[in-house]
Amino acid sequence: LQTTRLGNHLEDRVNKFLRRQNHPEAGEVFVRVVASSDKTVEVKPGMKSR
């Protein structure tokens, strides 16, 4: 599966936290994207003024 910038950031943070907390039994955490989609929305003029 693909790696993403967000996934890499989360992996680094979680793995560093586990090492700092001295949890050797935890192993290493991997984050992968299973599904993603780009959405485009249209904001109607009445909602923009709120």
PDB file of N, CA and C in Angstrom:
ATOM      1  N   LEU A   1       0.836  -1.195   0.000  1.00  0.00           N
ATOM      2  CA  LEU A   1       0.000   0.000   0.000  1.00  0.00           C
ATOM      3  C   LEU A   1       0.873   1.247   0.000  1.00  0.00           C
ATOM      4  N   GLN A   2       0.292   2.334  -0.436  1.00  0.00           N
ATOM      5  CA  GLN A   2       1.024   3.592  -0.560  1.00  0.00           C
ATOM      6  C   GLN A   2       1.318   4.222   0.798  1.00  0.00           C
ATOM      7  N   THR A   3       2.414   4.968   0.817  1.00  0.00           N
ATOM      8  CA  THR A   3       2.688   5.802   1.986  1.00  0.00           C
ATOM      9  C   THR A   3       2.300   7.231   1.635  1.00  0.00           C
ATOM     10  N   THR A   4       1.912   7.982   2.639  1.00  0.00           N
ATOM     11  CA  THR A   4       1.559   9.387   2.431  1.00  0.00           C
ATOM     12  C   THR A   4       2.357  10.236   3.405  1.00  0.00           C
ATOM     13  N   ARG A   5       2.393  11.527   3.143  1.00  0.00           N
ATOM     14  CA  ARG A   5       3.112  12.427   4.052  1.00  0.00           C
ATOM     15  C   ARG A   5       2.489  12.404   5.437  1.00  0.00           C
ATOM     16  N   LEU A   6       1.173  12.401   5.493  1.00  0.00           N
ATOM     17  CA  LEU A   6       0.495  12.349   6.792  1.00  0.00           C
ATOM     18  C   LEU A   6       0.784  11.020   7.490  1.00  0.00           C
ATOM     19  N   GLY A   7       0.731   9.921   6.749  1.00  0.00           N
ATOM     20  CA  GLY A   7       1.023   8.616   7.326  1.00  0.00           C
ATOM     21  C   GLY A   7       2.437   8.540   7.870  1.00  0.00           C
ATOM     22  N   ASN A   8       3.395   9.076   7.115  1.00  0.00           N
ATOM     23  CA  ASN A   8       4.790   9.081   7.570  1.00  0.00           C
ATOM     24  C   ASN A   8       4.941   9.909   8.839  1.00  0.00           C
ATOM     25  N   HIS A   9       4.271  11.050   8.877  1.00  0.00           N
ATOM     26  CA  HIS A   9       4.336  11.911  10.062  1.00  0.00           C
ATOM     27  C   HIS A   9       3.769  11.182  11.285  1.00  0.00           C
ATOM     28  N   LEU A  10       2.617  10.549  11.105  1.00  0.00           N
ATOM     29  CA  LEU A  10       1.996   9.814  12.214  1.00  0.00           C
ATOM     30  C   LEU A  10       2.874   8.654  12.673  1.00  0.00           C
ATOM     31  N   GLU A  11       3.455   7.925  11.713  1.00  0.00           N
ATOM     32  CA  GLU A  11       4.359   6.826  12.072  1.00  0.00           C
ATOM     33  C   GLU A  11       5.512   7.337  12.922  1.00  0.00           C
ATOM     34  N   ASP A  12       6.141   8.423  12.472  1.00  0.00           N
ATOM     35  CA  ASP A  12       7.279   8.982  13.210  1.00  0.00           C
ATOM     36  C   ASP A  12       6.879   9.378  14.621  1.00  0.00           C
ATOM     37  N   ARG A  13       5.756  10.096  14.745  1.00  0.00           N
ATOM     38  CA  ARG A  13       5.327  10.569  16.066  1.00  0.00           C
ATOM     39  C   ARG A  13       5.028   9.408  17.011  1.00  0.00           C
ATOM     40  N   VAL A  14       4.270   8.429  16.524  1.00  0.00           N
ATOM     41  CA  VAL A  14       3.874   7.303  17.381  1.00  0.00           C
ATOM     42  C   VAL A  14       5.091   6.469  17.760  1.00  0.00           C
ATOM     43  N   ASN A  15       5.957   6.172  16.793  1.00  0.00           N
ATOM     44  CA  ASN A  15       7.138   5.353  17.088  1.00  0.00           C
ATOM     45  C   ASN A  15       8.086   6.061  18.044  1.00  0.00           C
ATOM     46  N   LYS A  16       8.268   7.371  17.876  1.00  0.00           N
ATOM     47  CA  LYS A  16       9.119   8.122  18.806  1.00  0.00           C
ATOM     48  C   LYS A  16       8.511   8.119  20.206  1.00  0.00           C
ATOM     49  N   PHE A  17       7.194   8.289  20.291  1.00  0.00           N
ATOM     50  CA  PHE A  17       6.514   8.275  21.585  1.00  0.00           C
ATOM     51  C   PHE A  17       6.709   6.927  22.278  1.00  0.00           C
ATOM     52  N   LEU A  18       6.529   5.837  21.528  1.00  0.00           N
ATOM     53  CA  LEU A  18       6.676   4.509  22.128  1.00  0.00           C
ATOM     54  C   LEU A  18       8.106   4.274  22.602  1.00  0.00           C
ATOM     55  N   ARG A  19       9.085   4.746  21.830  1.00  0.00           N
ATOM     56  CA  ARG A  19      10.483   4.589  22.261  1.00  0.00           C
ATOM     57  C   ARG A  19      10.755   5.413  23.516  1.00  0.00           C
ATOM     58  N   ARG A  20      10.214   6.646  23.574  1.00  0.00           N
ATOM     59  CA  ARG A  20      10.418   7.498  24.751  1.00  0.00           C
ATOM     60  C   ARG A  20       9.775   6.890  25.991  1.00  0.00           C
ATOM     61  N   GLN A  21       8.624   6.253  25.815  1.00  0.00           N
ATOM     62  CA  GLN A  21       7.920   5.646  26.949  1.00  0.00           C
ATOM     63  C   GLN A  21       8.503   4.283  27.320  1.00  0.00           C
ATOM     64  N   ASN A  22       9.526   3.847  26.574  1.00  0.00           N
ATOM     65  CA  ASN A  22      10.230   2.592  26.849  1.00  0.00           C
ATOM     66  C   ASN A  22       9.288   1.388  26.789  1.00  0.00           C
ATOM     67  N   HIS A  23       8.639   1.214  25.623  1.00  0.00           N
ATOM     68  CA  HIS A  23       7.771   0.060  25.379  1.00  0.00           C
ATOM     69  C   HIS A  23       8.401  -0.816  24.298  1.00  0.00           C
ATOM     70  N   PRO A  24       9.418  -1.602  24.628  1.00  0.00           N
ATOM     71  CA  PRO A  24      10.091  -2.415  23.602  1.00  0.00           C
ATOM     72  C   PRO A  24       9.194  -3.500  23.012  1.00  0.00           C
ATOM     73  N   GLU A  25       8.181  -3.932  23.757  1.00  0.00           N
ATOM     74  CA  GLU A  25       7.294  -4.984  23.254  1.00  0.00           C
ATOM     75  C   GLU A  25       6.322  -4.470  22.193  1.00  0.00           C
ATOM     76  N   ALA A  26       6.217  -3.158  22.047  1.00  0.00           N
ATOM     77  CA  ALA A  26       5.250  -2.574  21.118  1.00  0.00           C
ATOM     78  C   ALA A  26       5.645  -2.771  19.663  1.00  0.00           C
ATOM     79  N   GLY A  27       6.926  -2.884  19.361  1.00  0.00           N
ATOM     80  CA  GLY A  27       7.335  -3.021  17.965  1.00  0.00           C
ATOM     81  C   GLY A  27       7.238  -1.686  17.254  1.00  0.00           C
ATOM     82  N   GLU A  28       7.006  -1.741  15.942  1.00  0.00           N
ATOM     83  CA  GLU A  28       6.942  -0.518  15.154  1.00  0.00           C
ATOM     84  C   GLU A  28       5.552  -0.362  14.559  1.00  0.00           C
ATOM     85  N   VAL A  29       5.080   0.869  14.448  1.00  0.00           N
ATOM     86  CA  VAL A  29       3.752   1.164  13.915  1.00  0.00           C
ATOM     87  C   VAL A  29       3.887   1.593  12.463  1.00  0.00           C
ATOM     88  N   PHE A  30       3.007   1.058  11.602  1.00  0.00           N
ATOM     89  CA  PHE A  30       2.973   1.441  10.193  1.00  0.00           C
ATOM     90  C   PHE A  30       1.590   1.977   9.866  1.00  0.00           C
ATOM     91  N   VAL A  31       1.540   3.097   9.133  1.00  0.00           N
ATOM     92  CA  VAL A  31       0.271   3.707   8.733  1.00  0.00           C
ATOM     93  C   VAL A  31       0.217   3.694   7.211  1.00  0.00           C
ATOM     94  N   ARG A  32      -0.843   3.119   6.641  1.00  0.00           N
ATOM     95  CA  ARG A  32      -1.014   3.079   5.193  1.00  0.00           C
ATOM     96  C   ARG A  32      -2.415   3.550   4.830  1.00  0.00           C
ATOM     97  N   VAL A  33      -2.539   4.063   3.630  1.00  0.00           N
ATOM     98  CA  VAL A  33      -3.826   4.549   3.141  1.00  0.00           C
ATOM     99  C   VAL A  33      -4.569   3.387   2.492  1.00  0.00           C
ATOM    100  N   VAL A  34      -5.777   3.117   2.952  1.00  0.00           N
ATOM    101  CA  VAL A  34      -6.588   2.064   2.357  1.00  0.00           C
ATOM    102  C   VAL A  34      -7.456   2.651   1.258  1.00  0.00           C
ATOM    103  N   ALA A  35      -8.028   3.825   1.508  1.00  0.00           N
ATOM    104  CA  ALA A  35      -8.859   4.481   0.503  1.00  0.00           C
ATOM    105  C   ALA A  35      -8.789   5.984   0.713  1.00  0.00           C
ATOM    106  N   SER A  36      -8.811   6.701  -0.384  1.00  0.00           N
ATOM    107  CA  SER A  36      -8.858   8.158  -0.294  1.00  0.00           C
ATOM    108  C   SER A  36      -9.632   8.683  -1.489  1.00  0.00           C
ATOM    109  N   SER A  37     -10.219   9.842  -1.329  1.00  0.00           N
ATOM    110  CA  SER A  37     -10.947  10.448  -2.439  1.00  0.00           C
ATOM    111  C   SER A  37     -10.850  11.957  -2.327  1.00  0.00           C
ATOM    112  N   ASP A  38     -10.834  12.595  -3.466  1.00  0.00           N
ATOM    113  CA  ASP A  38     -10.843  14.048  -3.514  1.00  0.00           C
ATOM    114  C   ASP A  38     -12.272  14.494  -3.764  1.00  0.00           C
ATOM    115  N   LYS A  39     -12.735  15.415  -2.954  1.00  0.00           N
ATOM    116  CA  LYS A  39     -14.103  15.894  -3.111  1.00  0.00           C
ATOM    117  C   LYS A  39     -14.095  17.379  -3.418  1.00  0.00           C
ATOM    118  N   THR A  40     -14.949  17.772  -4.312  1.00  0.00           N
ATOM    119  CA  THR A  40     -15.135  19.179  -4.633  1.00  0.00           C
ATOM    120  C   THR A  40     -16.564  19.537  -4.251  1.00  0.00           C
ATOM    121  N   VAL A  41     -16.704  20.585  -3.482  1.00  0.00           N
ATOM    122  CA  VAL A  41     -18.040  21.005  -3.071  1.00  0.00           C
ATOM    123  C   VAL A  41     -18.306  22.414  -3.565  1.00  0.00           C
ATOM    124  N   GLU A  42     -19.555  22.695  -3.764  1.00  0.00           N
ATOM    125  CA  GLU A  42     -19.956  24.031  -4.186  1.00  0.00           C
ATOM    126  C   GLU A  42     -20.658  24.696  -3.007  1.00  0.00           C
ATOM    127  N   VAL A  43     -20.172  25.859  -2.620  1.00  0.00           N
ATOM    128  CA  VAL A  43     -20.773  26.599  -1.521  1.00  0.00           C
ATOM    129  C   VAL A  43     -21.680  27.658  -2.121  1.00  0.00           C
ATOM    130  N   LYS A  44     -22.933  27.599  -1.751  1.00  0.00           N
ATOM    131  CA  LYS A  44     -23.900  28.547  -2.300  1.00  0.00           C
ATOM    132  C   LYS A  44     -23.708  29.914  -1.653  1.00  0.00           C
ATOM    133  N   PRO A  45     -24.046  30.979  -2.369  1.00  0.00           N
ATOM    134  CA  PRO A  45     -23.811  32.338  -1.861  1.00  0.00           C
ATOM    135  C   PRO A  45     -24.408  32.597  -0.478  1.00  0.00           C
ATOM    136  N   GLY A  46     -25.562  32.043  -0.171  1.00  0.00           N
ATOM    137  CA  GLY A  46     -26.187  32.247   1.129  1.00  0.00           C
ATOM    138  C   GLY A  46     -25.347  31.687   2.271  1.00  0.00           C
ATOM    139  N   MET A  47     -24.632  30.609   2.028  1.00  0.00           N
ATOM    140  CA  MET A  47     -23.796  30.000   3.060  1.00  0.00           C
ATOM    141  C   MET A  47     -22.498  30.779   3.247  1.00  0.00           C
ATOM    142  N   LYS A  48     -21.990  31.394   2.188  1.00  0.00           N
ATOM    143  CA  LYS A  48     -20.743  32.150   2.277  1.00  0.00           C
ATOM    144  C   LYS A  48     -20.888  33.360   3.191  1.00  0.00           C
ATOM    145  N   SER A  49     -22.082  33.966   3.211  1.00  0.00           N
ATOM    146  CA  SER A  49     -22.277  35.189   3.991  1.00  0.00           C
ATOM    147  C   SER A  49     -22.435  34.904   5.486  1.00  0.00           C
ATOM    148  N   ARG A  50     -22.609  33.666   5.886  1.00  0.00           N
ATOM    149  CA  ARG A  50     -22.808  33.338   7.308  1.00  0.00           C
ATOM    150  C   ARG A  50     -21.563  33.476   8.098  1.00  0.00           C
TER     151      ARG A  50
END
